[in-house]
PDB file of all heavy atoms in Angstrom:
ATOM      1  N   LYS A   1     -17.117  21.095  -4.157  1.00  0.00           N
ATOM      2  CA  LYS A   1     -17.615  20.520  -2.908  1.00  0.00           C
ATOM      3  C   LYS A   1     -17.769  19.011  -3.026  1.00  0.00           C
ATOM      4  O   LYS A   1     -17.465  18.273  -2.084  1.00  0.00           O
ATOM      5  CB  LYS A   1     -18.943  21.171  -2.521  1.00  0.00           C
ATOM      6  CG  LYS A   1     -18.803  22.633  -2.109  1.00  0.00           C
ATOM      7  CD  LYS A   1     -20.132  23.226  -1.693  1.00  0.00           C
ATOM      8  CE  LYS A   1     -19.960  24.693  -1.265  1.00  0.00           C
ATOM      9  NZ  LYS A   1     -21.268  25.316  -0.885  1.00  0.00           N
ATOM     10  N   ALA A   2     -18.243  18.538  -4.174  1.00  0.00           N
ATOM     11  CA  ALA A   2     -18.378  17.097  -4.399  1.00  0.00           C
ATOM     12  C   ALA A   2     -17.013  16.424  -4.433  1.00  0.00           C
ATOM     13  O   ALA A   2     -16.849  15.301  -3.945  1.00  0.00           O
ATOM     14  CB  ALA A   2     -19.137  16.827  -5.691  1.00  0.00           C
ATOM     15  N   LEU A   3     -16.022  17.088  -5.012  1.00  0.00           N
ATOM     16  CA  LEU A   3     -14.671  16.540  -5.044  1.00  0.00           C
ATOM     17  C   LEU A   3     -14.136  16.347  -3.628  1.00  0.00           C
ATOM     18  O   LEU A   3     -13.462  15.355  -3.335  1.00  0.00           O
ATOM     19  CB  LEU A   3     -13.736  17.455  -5.835  1.00  0.00           C
ATOM     20  CG  LEU A   3     -14.101  17.759  -7.296  1.00  0.00           C
ATOM     21  CD1 LEU A   3     -12.962  18.523  -7.975  1.00  0.00           C
ATOM     22  CD2 LEU A   3     -14.425  16.499  -8.070  1.00  0.00           C
ATOM     23  N   ALA A   4     -14.411  17.323  -2.748  1.00  0.00           N
ATOM     24  CA  ALA A   4     -13.946  17.233  -1.361  1.00  0.00           C
ATOM     25  C   ALA A   4     -14.632  16.090  -0.614  1.00  0.00           C
ATOM     26  O   ALA A   4     -13.996  15.345   0.120  1.00  0.00           O
ATOM     27  CB  ALA A   4     -14.184  18.555  -0.641  1.00  0.00           C
ATOM     28  N   VAL A   5     -15.947  15.942  -0.801  1.00  0.00           N
ATOM     29  CA  VAL A   5     -16.691  14.866  -0.140  1.00  0.00           C
ATOM     30  C   VAL A   5     -16.199  13.501  -0.627  1.00  0.00           C
ATOM     31  O   VAL A   5     -15.938  12.592   0.172  1.00  0.00           O
ATOM     32  CB  VAL A   5     -18.208  15.014  -0.388  1.00  0.00           C
ATOM     33  CG1 VAL A   5     -18.950  13.783   0.128  1.00  0.00           C
ATOM     34  CG2 VAL A   5     -18.742  16.274   0.285  1.00  0.00           C
ATOM     35  N   LEU A   6     -16.070  13.352  -1.932  1.00  0.00           N
ATOM     36  CA  LEU A   6     -15.600  12.086  -2.495  1.00  0.00           C
ATOM     37  C   LEU A   6     -14.195  11.758  -1.998  1.00  0.00           C
ATOM     38  O   LEU A   6     -13.912  10.614  -1.618  1.00  0.00           O
ATOM     39  CB  LEU A   6     -15.605  12.157  -4.022  1.00  0.00           C
ATOM     40  CG  LEU A   6     -15.084  10.916  -4.764  1.00  0.00           C
ATOM     41  CD1 LEU A   6     -15.943   9.701  -4.452  1.00  0.00           C
ATOM     42  CD2 LEU A   6     -15.054  11.168  -6.270  1.00  0.00           C
ATOM     43  N   GLY A   7     -13.315  12.752  -1.978  1.00  0.00           N
ATOM     44  CA  GLY A   7     -11.958  12.538  -1.493  1.00  0.00           C
ATOM     45  C   GLY A   7     -11.925  12.108  -0.037  1.00  0.00           C
ATOM     46  O   GLY A   7     -11.123  11.258   0.353  1.00  0.00           O
ATOM     47  N   SER A   8     -12.814  12.690   0.791  1.00  0.00           N
ATOM     48  CA  SER A   8     -12.872  12.352   2.215  1.00  0.00           C
ATOM     49  C   SER A   8     -13.235  10.883   2.431  1.00  0.00           C
ATOM     50  O   SER A   8     -12.810  10.267   3.410  1.00  0.00           O
ATOM     51  CB  SER A   8     -13.890  13.242   2.933  1.00  0.00           C
ATOM     52  OG  SER A   8     -13.504  14.598   2.878  1.00  0.00           O
ATOM     53  N   ILE A   9     -14.035  10.322   1.533  1.00  0.00           N
ATOM     54  CA  ILE A   9     -14.424   8.915   1.620  1.00  0.00           C
ATOM     55  C   ILE A   9     -13.378   8.007   0.987  1.00  0.00           C
ATOM     56  O   ILE A   9     -12.963   6.995   1.567  1.00  0.00           O
ATOM     57  CB  ILE A   9     -15.792   8.695   0.934  1.00  0.00           C
ATOM     58  CG1 ILE A   9     -16.880   9.522   1.628  1.00  0.00           C
ATOM     59  CG2 ILE A   9     -16.156   7.214   0.923  1.00  0.00           C
ATOM     60  CD1 ILE A   9     -18.182   9.575   0.870  1.00  0.00           C
ATOM     61  N   ALA A  10     -12.936   8.379  -0.201  1.00  0.00           N
ATOM     62  CA  ALA A  10     -12.073   7.503  -0.994  1.00  0.00           C
ATOM     63  C   ALA A  10     -10.655   7.399  -0.450  1.00  0.00           C
ATOM     64  O   ALA A  10     -10.078   6.308  -0.408  1.00  0.00           O
ATOM     65  CB  ALA A  10     -12.035   7.991  -2.442  1.00  0.00           C
ATOM     66  N   VAL A  11     -10.083   8.524  -0.025  1.00  0.00           N
ATOM     67  CA  VAL A  11      -8.677   8.534   0.390  1.00  0.00           C
ATOM     68  C   VAL A  11      -8.419   7.567   1.548  1.00  0.00           C
ATOM     69  O   VAL A  11      -7.488   6.751   1.481  1.00  0.00           O
ATOM     70  CB  VAL A  11      -8.220   9.969   0.719  1.00  0.00           C
ATOM     71  CG1 VAL A  11      -6.877   9.955   1.460  1.00  0.00           C
ATOM     72  CG2 VAL A  11      -8.102  10.792  -0.565  1.00  0.00           C
ATOM     73  N   PRO A  12      -9.194   7.610   2.660  1.00  0.00           N
ATOM     74  CA  PRO A  12      -8.940   6.648   3.738  1.00  0.00           C
ATOM     75  C   PRO A  12      -9.112   5.189   3.304  1.00  0.00           C
ATOM     76  O   PRO A  12      -8.327   4.327   3.722  1.00  0.00           O
ATOM     77  CB  PRO A  12      -9.976   7.039   4.807  1.00  0.00           C
ATOM     78  CG  PRO A  12     -10.316   8.459   4.520  1.00  0.00           C
ATOM     79  CD  PRO A  12     -10.247   8.572   3.027  1.00  0.00           C
ATOM     80  N   LEU A  13     -10.135   4.898   2.473  1.00  0.00           N
ATOM     81  CA  LEU A  13     -10.370   3.527   2.036  1.00  0.00           C
ATOM     82  C   LEU A  13      -9.220   3.006   1.183  1.00  0.00           C
ATOM     83  O   LEU A  13      -8.761   1.867   1.348  1.00  0.00           O
ATOM     84  CB  LEU A  13     -11.684   3.438   1.249  1.00  0.00           C
ATOM     85  CG  LEU A  13     -12.976   3.598   2.067  1.00  0.00           C
ATOM     86  CD1 LEU A  13     -14.185   3.603   1.144  1.00  0.00           C
ATOM     87  CD2 LEU A  13     -13.104   2.500   3.103  1.00  0.00           C
ATOM     88  N   ILE A  14      -8.748   3.837   0.263  1.00  0.00           N
ATOM     89  CA  ILE A  14      -7.617   3.443  -0.581  1.00  0.00           C
ATOM     90  C   ILE A  14      -6.379   3.209   0.282  1.00  0.00           C
ATOM     91  O   ILE A  14      -5.625   2.248   0.082  1.00  0.00           O
ATOM     92  CB  ILE A  14      -7.340   4.511  -1.654  1.00  0.00           C
ATOM     93  CG1 ILE A  14      -8.526   4.606  -2.617  1.00  0.00           C
ATOM     94  CG2 ILE A  14      -6.062   4.183  -2.424  1.00  0.00           C
ATOM     95  CD1 ILE A  14      -8.461   5.833  -3.525  1.00  0.00           C
ATOM     96  N   ALA A  15      -6.166   4.106   1.261  1.00  0.00           N
ATOM     97  CA  ALA A  15      -5.005   3.988   2.145  1.00  0.00           C
ATOM     98  C   ALA A  15      -5.048   2.686   2.944  1.00  0.00           C
ATOM     99  O   ALA A  15      -4.027   1.998   3.085  1.00  0.00           O
ATOM    100  CB  ALA A  15      -4.942   5.187   3.086  1.00  0.00           C
ATOM    101  N   ILE A  16      -6.216   2.323   3.463  1.00  0.00           N
ATOM    102  CA  ILE A  16      -6.361   1.096   4.253  1.00  0.00           C
ATOM    103  C   ILE A  16      -6.026  -0.136   3.411  1.00  0.00           C
ATOM    104  O   ILE A  16      -5.261  -1.009   3.833  1.00  0.00           O
ATOM    105  CB  ILE A  16      -7.787   0.989   4.833  1.00  0.00           C
ATOM    106  CG1 ILE A  16      -8.000   2.060   5.915  1.00  0.00           C
ATOM    107  CG2 ILE A  16      -8.043  -0.413   5.410  1.00  0.00           C
ATOM    108  CD1 ILE A  16      -9.439   2.210   6.352  1.00  0.00           C
ATOM    109  N   LEU A  17      -6.602  -0.221   2.221  1.00  0.00           N
ATOM    110  CA  LEU A  17      -6.342  -1.371   1.365  1.00  0.00           C
ATOM    111  C   LEU A  17      -4.879  -1.417   0.931  1.00  0.00           C
ATOM    112  O   LEU A  17      -4.268  -2.479   0.844  1.00  0.00           O
ATOM    113  CB  LEU A  17      -7.257  -1.344   0.137  1.00  0.00           C
ATOM    114  CG  LEU A  17      -7.199  -2.600  -0.742  1.00  0.00           C
ATOM    115  CD1 LEU A  17      -7.605  -3.837   0.048  1.00  0.00           C
ATOM    116  CD2 LEU A  17      -8.102  -2.454  -1.956  1.00  0.00           C
ATOM    117  N   GLY A  18      -4.302  -0.240   0.655  1.00  0.00           N
ATOM    118  CA  GLY A  18      -2.899  -0.176   0.266  1.00  0.00           C
ATOM    119  C   GLY A  18      -1.979  -0.672   1.363  1.00  0.00           C
ATOM    120  O   GLY A  18      -1.023  -1.413   1.114  1.00  0.00           O
ATOM    121  N   VAL A  19      -2.265  -0.265   2.611  1.00  0.00           N
ATOM    122  CA  VAL A  19      -1.466  -0.719   3.751  1.00  0.00           C
ATOM    123  C   VAL A  19      -1.567  -2.239   3.901  1.00  0.00           C
ATOM    124  O   VAL A  19      -0.566  -2.916   4.154  1.00  0.00           O
ATOM    125  CB  VAL A  19      -1.923  -0.012   5.050  1.00  0.00           C
ATOM    126  CG1 VAL A  19      -1.283  -0.675   6.271  1.00  0.00           C
ATOM    127  CG2 VAL A  19      -1.563   1.467   5.004  1.00  0.00           C
ATOM    128  N   TYR A  20      -2.783  -2.781   3.713  1.00  0.00           N
ATOM    129  CA  TYR A  20      -2.966  -4.231   3.778  1.00  0.00           C
ATOM    130  C   TYR A  20      -2.141  -4.937   2.700  1.00  0.00           C
ATOM    131  O   TYR A  20      -1.486  -5.941   2.963  1.00  0.00           O
ATOM    132  CB  TYR A  20      -4.447  -4.602   3.627  1.00  0.00           C
ATOM    133  CG  TYR A  20      -4.682  -6.111   3.648  1.00  0.00           C
ATOM    134  CD1 TYR A  20      -4.830  -6.782   4.854  1.00  0.00           C
ATOM    135  CD2 TYR A  20      -4.726  -6.837   2.467  1.00  0.00           C
ATOM    136  CE1 TYR A  20      -5.020  -8.156   4.883  1.00  0.00           C
ATOM    137  CE2 TYR A  20      -4.916  -8.209   2.480  1.00  0.00           C
ATOM    138  CZ  TYR A  20      -5.070  -8.861   3.684  1.00  0.00           C
ATOM    139  OH  TYR A  20      -5.247 -10.236   3.698  1.00  0.00           O
ATOM    140  N   SER A  21      -2.188  -4.401   1.488  1.00  0.00           N
ATOM    141  CA  SER A  21      -1.448  -4.998   0.379  1.00  0.00           C
ATOM    142  C   SER A  21       0.051  -4.992   0.645  1.00  0.00           C
ATOM    143  O   SER A  21       0.747  -5.978   0.395  1.00  0.00           O
ATOM    144  CB  SER A  21      -1.759  -4.249  -0.913  1.00  0.00           C
ATOM    145  OG  SER A  21      -1.005  -4.753  -2.002  1.00  0.00           O
ATOM    146  N   VAL A  22       0.562  -3.862   1.174  1.00  0.00           N
ATOM    147  CA  VAL A  22       1.984  -3.759   1.491  1.00  0.00           C
ATOM    148  C   VAL A  22       2.356  -4.749   2.597  1.00  0.00           C
ATOM    149  O   VAL A  22       3.388  -5.426   2.528  1.00  0.00           O
ATOM    150  CB  VAL A  22       2.347  -2.322   1.907  1.00  0.00           C
ATOM    151  CG1 VAL A  22       3.756  -2.265   2.498  1.00  0.00           C
ATOM    152  CG2 VAL A  22       2.267  -1.386   0.705  1.00  0.00           C
ATOM    153  N   SER A  23       1.512  -4.841   3.627  1.00  0.00           N
ATOM    154  CA  SER A  23       1.771  -5.767   4.731  1.00  0.00           C
ATOM    155  C   SER A  23       1.837  -7.204   4.227  1.00  0.00           C
ATOM    156  O   SER A  23       2.697  -7.987   4.644  1.00  0.00           O
ATOM    157  CB  SER A  23       0.680  -5.639   5.802  1.00  0.00           C
ATOM    158  OG  SER A  23       0.651  -4.332   6.342  1.00  0.00           O
ATOM    159  N   TRP A  24       0.925  -7.538   3.312  1.00  0.00           N
ATOM    160  CA  TRP A  24       0.930  -8.875   2.718  1.00  0.00           C
ATOM    161  C   TRP A  24       2.234  -9.127   1.967  1.00  0.00           C
ATOM    162  O   TRP A  24       2.866 -10.175   2.102  1.00  0.00           O
ATOM    163  CB  TRP A  24      -0.252  -9.023   1.764  1.00  0.00           C
ATOM    164  CG  TRP A  24      -0.309 -10.350   1.050  1.00  0.00           C
ATOM    165  CD1 TRP A  24      -0.938 -11.488   1.459  1.00  0.00           C
ATOM    166  CD2 TRP A  24       0.297 -10.663  -0.215  1.00  0.00           C
ATOM    167  NE1 TRP A  24      -0.766 -12.490   0.536  1.00  0.00           N
ATOM    168  CE2 TRP A  24      -0.002 -12.016  -0.507  1.00  0.00           C
ATOM    169  CE3 TRP A  24       1.069  -9.932  -1.134  1.00  0.00           C
ATOM    170  CZ2 TRP A  24       0.426 -12.649  -1.667  1.00  0.00           C
ATOM    171  CZ3 TRP A  24       1.510 -10.572  -2.279  1.00  0.00           C
ATOM    172  CH2 TRP A  24       1.188 -11.912  -2.548  1.00  0.00           C
ATOM    173  N   GLY A  25       2.639  -8.157   1.157  1.00  0.00           N
ATOM    174  CA  GLY A  25       3.854  -8.305   0.367  1.00  0.00           C
ATOM    175  C   GLY A  25       5.089  -8.450   1.234  1.00  0.00           C
ATOM    176  O   GLY A  25       5.938  -9.320   0.985  1.00  0.00           O
ATOM    177  N   VAL A  26       5.198  -7.619   2.273  1.00  0.00           N
ATOM    178  CA  VAL A  26       6.339  -7.684   3.185  1.00  0.00           C
ATOM    179  C   VAL A  26       6.361  -9.025   3.910  1.00  0.00           C
ATOM    180  O   VAL A  26       7.416  -9.634   4.105  1.00  0.00           O
ATOM    181  CB  VAL A  26       6.293  -6.504   4.182  1.00  0.00           C
ATOM    182  CG1 VAL A  26       7.357  -6.678   5.269  1.00  0.00           C
ATOM    183  CG2 VAL A  26       6.498  -5.174   3.450  1.00  0.00           C
ATOM    184  N   GLY A  27       5.179  -9.490   4.313  1.00  0.00           N
ATOM    185  CA  GLY A  27       5.090 -10.776   4.998  1.00  0.00           C
ATOM    186  C   GLY A  27       5.510 -11.946   4.127  1.00  0.00           C
ATOM    187  O   GLY A  27       6.079 -12.934   4.624  1.00  0.00           O
ATOM    188  N   GLN A  28       5.264 -11.834   2.818  1.00  0.00           N
ATOM    189  CA  GLN A  28       5.615 -12.910   1.894  1.00  0.00           C
ATOM    190  C   GLN A  28       7.112 -13.124   1.790  1.00  0.00           C
ATOM    191  O   GLN A  28       7.573 -14.241   1.533  1.00  0.00           O
ATOM    192  CB  GLN A  28       5.056 -12.605   0.496  1.00  0.00           C
ATOM    193  CG  GLN A  28       3.532 -12.718   0.386  1.00  0.00           C
ATOM    194  CD  GLN A  28       3.030 -14.138   0.523  1.00  0.00           C
ATOM    195  OE1 GLN A  28       2.442 -14.512   1.509  1.00  0.00           O
ATOM    196  NE2 GLN A  28       3.251 -14.930  -0.446  1.00  0.00           N
ATOM    197  N   VAL A  29       7.887 -12.062   1.981  1.00  0.00           N
ATOM    198  CA  VAL A  29       9.339 -12.161   1.781  1.00  0.00           C
ATOM    199  C   VAL A  29      10.134 -12.012   3.079  1.00  0.00           C
ATOM    200  O   VAL A  29      11.366 -11.988   3.053  1.00  0.00           O
ATOM    201  CB  VAL A  29       9.815 -11.115   0.751  1.00  0.00           C
ATOM    202  CG1 VAL A  29       9.223 -11.400  -0.615  1.00  0.00           C
ATOM    203  CG2 VAL A  29       9.469  -9.696   1.195  1.00  0.00           C
ATOM    204  N   GLY A  30       9.418 -11.889   4.197  1.00  0.00           N
ATOM    205  CA  GLY A  30      10.109 -11.878   5.477  1.00  0.00           C
ATOM    206  C   GLY A  30      10.726 -10.559   5.894  1.00  0.00           C
ATOM    207  O   GLY A  30      11.721 -10.525   6.617  1.00  0.00           O
ATOM    208  N   GLY A  31      10.151  -9.439   5.472  1.00  0.00           N
ATOM    209  CA  GLY A  31      10.639  -8.130   5.904  1.00  0.00           C
ATOM    210  C   GLY A  31      10.817  -7.165   4.753  1.00  0.00           C
ATOM    211  O   GLY A  31      11.015  -7.571   3.594  1.00  0.00           O
ATOM    212  N   PHE A  32      10.735  -5.851   5.054  1.00  0.00           N
ATOM    213  CA  PHE A  32      10.766  -4.825   4.015  1.00  0.00           C
ATOM    214  C   PHE A  32      12.086  -4.816   3.256  1.00  0.00           C
ATOM    215  O   PHE A  32      12.121  -4.587   2.047  1.00  0.00           O
ATOM    216  CB  PHE A  32      10.522  -3.439   4.643  1.00  0.00           C
ATOM    217  CG  PHE A  32      10.291  -2.354   3.632  1.00  0.00           C
ATOM    218  CD1 PHE A  32       9.064  -2.224   2.993  1.00  0.00           C
ATOM    219  CD2 PHE A  32      11.298  -1.466   3.302  1.00  0.00           C
ATOM    220  CE1 PHE A  32       8.848  -1.230   2.049  1.00  0.00           C
ATOM    221  CE2 PHE A  32      11.089  -0.462   2.365  1.00  0.00           C
ATOM    222  CZ  PHE A  32       9.862  -0.346   1.737  1.00  0.00           C
ATOM    223  N   THR A  33      13.191  -5.077   3.947  1.00  0.00           N
ATOM    224  CA  THR A  33      14.497  -5.046   3.281  1.00  0.00           C
ATOM    225  C   THR A  33      14.651  -6.167   2.269  1.00  0.00           C
ATOM    226  O   THR A  33      15.537  -6.119   1.407  1.00  0.00           O
ATOM    227  CB  THR A  33      15.631  -5.135   4.321  1.00  0.00           C
ATOM    228  OG1 THR A  33      15.436  -6.300   5.132  1.00  0.00           O
ATOM    229  CG2 THR A  33      15.644  -3.880   5.200  1.00  0.00           C
ATOM    230  N   ASN A  34      13.803  -7.186   2.364  1.00  0.00           N
ATOM    231  CA  ASN A  34      13.866  -8.305   1.430  1.00  0.00           C
ATOM    232  C   ASN A  34      12.949  -8.132   0.217  1.00  0.00           C
ATOM    233  O   ASN A  34      12.932  -8.988  -0.673  1.00  0.00           O
ATOM    234  CB  ASN A  34      13.503  -9.615   2.144  1.00  0.00           C
ATOM    235  CG  ASN A  34      14.457  -9.954   3.263  1.00  0.00           C
ATOM    236  OD1 ASN A  34      15.647  -9.661   3.190  1.00  0.00           O
ATOM    237  ND2 ASN A  34      13.947 -10.570   4.332  1.00  0.00           N
ATOM    238  N   VAL A  35      12.199  -7.056   0.195  1.00  0.00           N
ATOM    239  CA  VAL A  35      11.239  -6.844  -0.891  1.00  0.00           C
ATOM    240  C   VAL A  35      11.945  -6.606  -2.217  1.00  0.00           C
ATOM    241  O   VAL A  35      11.607  -7.186  -3.253  1.00  0.00           O
ATOM    242  CB  VAL A  35      10.294  -5.664  -0.562  1.00  0.00           C
ATOM    243  CG1 VAL A  35       9.455  -5.299  -1.792  1.00  0.00           C
ATOM    244  CG2 VAL A  35       9.383  -6.009   0.605  1.00  0.00           C
ATOM    245  N   PHE A  36      12.942  -5.752  -2.200  1.00  0.00           N
ATOM    246  CA  PHE A  36      13.597  -5.307  -3.428  1.00  0.00           C
ATOM    247  C   PHE A  36      14.852  -6.132  -3.711  1.00  0.00           C
ATOM    248  O   PHE A  36      15.677  -6.367  -2.821  1.00  0.00           O
ATOM    249  CB  PHE A  36      13.980  -3.825  -3.332  1.00  0.00           C
ATOM    250  CG  PHE A  36      12.800  -2.914  -3.154  1.00  0.00           C
ATOM    251  CD1 PHE A  36      12.296  -2.656  -1.879  1.00  0.00           C
ATOM    252  CD2 PHE A  36      12.189  -2.320  -4.237  1.00  0.00           C
ATOM    253  CE1 PHE A  36      11.212  -1.815  -1.708  1.00  0.00           C
ATOM    254  CE2 PHE A  36      11.099  -1.490  -4.070  1.00  0.00           C
ATOM    255  CZ  PHE A  36      10.612  -1.239  -2.803  1.00  0.00           C
ATOM    256  N   ALA A  37      14.978  -6.562  -4.965  1.00  0.00           N
ATOM    257  CA  ALA A  37      16.176  -7.289  -5.372  1.00  0.00           C
ATOM    258  C   ALA A  37      17.377  -6.345  -5.378  1.00  0.00           C
ATOM    259  O   ALA A  37      17.269  -5.192  -5.795  1.00  0.00           O
ATOM    260  CB  ALA A  37      15.984  -7.898  -6.758  1.00  0.00           C
ATOM    261  N   GLU A  38      18.519  -6.860  -4.895  1.00  0.00           N
ATOM    262  CA  GLU A  38      19.721  -6.040  -4.887  1.00  0.00           C
ATOM    263  C   GLU A  38      20.201  -5.758  -6.305  1.00  0.00           C
ATOM    264  O   GLU A  38      20.705  -4.686  -6.620  1.00  0.00           O
ATOM    265  CB  GLU A  38      20.821  -6.716  -4.070  1.00  0.00           C
ATOM    266  CG  GLU A  38      22.056  -5.850  -3.862  1.00  0.00           C
ATOM    267  CD  GLU A  38      21.762  -4.531  -3.146  1.00  0.00           C
ATOM    268  OE1 GLU A  38      20.897  -4.530  -2.241  1.00  0.00           O
ATOM    269  OE2 GLU A  38      22.389  -3.494  -3.489  1.00  0.00           O
ATOM    270  N   HIS A  39      20.015  -6.740  -7.192  1.00  0.00           N
ATOM    271  CA  HIS A  39      20.427  -6.605  -8.588  1.00  0.00           C
ATOM    272  C   HIS A  39      19.273  -7.042  -9.494  1.00  0.00           C
ATOM    273  O   HIS A  39      19.196  -8.201  -9.916  1.00  0.00           O
ATOM    274  CB  HIS A  39      21.686  -7.444  -8.872  1.00  0.00           C
ATOM    275  CG  HIS A  39      22.850  -7.098  -8.019  1.00  0.00           C
ATOM    276  ND1 HIS A  39      23.558  -5.928  -8.160  1.00  0.00           N
ATOM    277  CD2 HIS A  39      23.407  -7.769  -6.975  1.00  0.00           C
ATOM    278  CE1 HIS A  39      24.520  -5.880  -7.252  1.00  0.00           C
ATOM    279  NE2 HIS A  39      24.466  -6.987  -6.523  1.00  0.00           N
ATOM    280  N   PRO A  40      18.343  -6.128  -9.822  1.00  0.00           N
ATOM    281  CA  PRO A  40      17.196  -6.469 -10.676  1.00  0.00           C
ATOM    282  C   PRO A  40      17.645  -6.977 -12.044  1.00  0.00           C
ATOM    283  O   PRO A  40      18.706  -6.585 -12.548  1.00  0.00           O
ATOM    284  CB  PRO A  40      16.452  -5.133 -10.807  1.00  0.00           C
ATOM    285  CG  PRO A  40      16.911  -4.313  -9.645  1.00  0.00           C
ATOM    286  CD  PRO A  40      18.327  -4.727  -9.394  1.00  0.00           C
ATOM    287  N   GLU A  41      16.838  -7.843 -12.641  1.00  0.00           N
ATOM    288  CA  GLU A  41      17.166  -8.417 -13.949  1.00  0.00           C
ATOM    289  C   GLU A  41      17.247  -7.352 -15.035  1.00  0.00           C
ATOM    290  O   GLU A  41      18.132  -7.379 -15.890  1.00  0.00           O
ATOM    291  CB  GLU A  41      16.119  -9.465 -14.336  1.00  0.00           C
ATOM    292  CG  GLU A  41      16.196 -10.740 -13.516  1.00  0.00           C
ATOM    293  CD  GLU A  41      15.225 -11.798 -14.001  1.00  0.00           C
ATOM    294  OE1 GLU A  41      14.683 -11.633 -15.108  1.00  0.00           O
ATOM    295  OE2 GLU A  41      15.007 -12.791 -13.289  1.00  0.00           O
TER     296      GLU A  41
END
């Protein structure tokens, strides 16, 4: 029961911060298709 309660709180918060982080990263390079190098080192 404690695992379920903790998950109900933690999962949305982690998701929100993750979405923010992704949005920041995409914004830095001008779009999602520009995130990944075509030929990584």
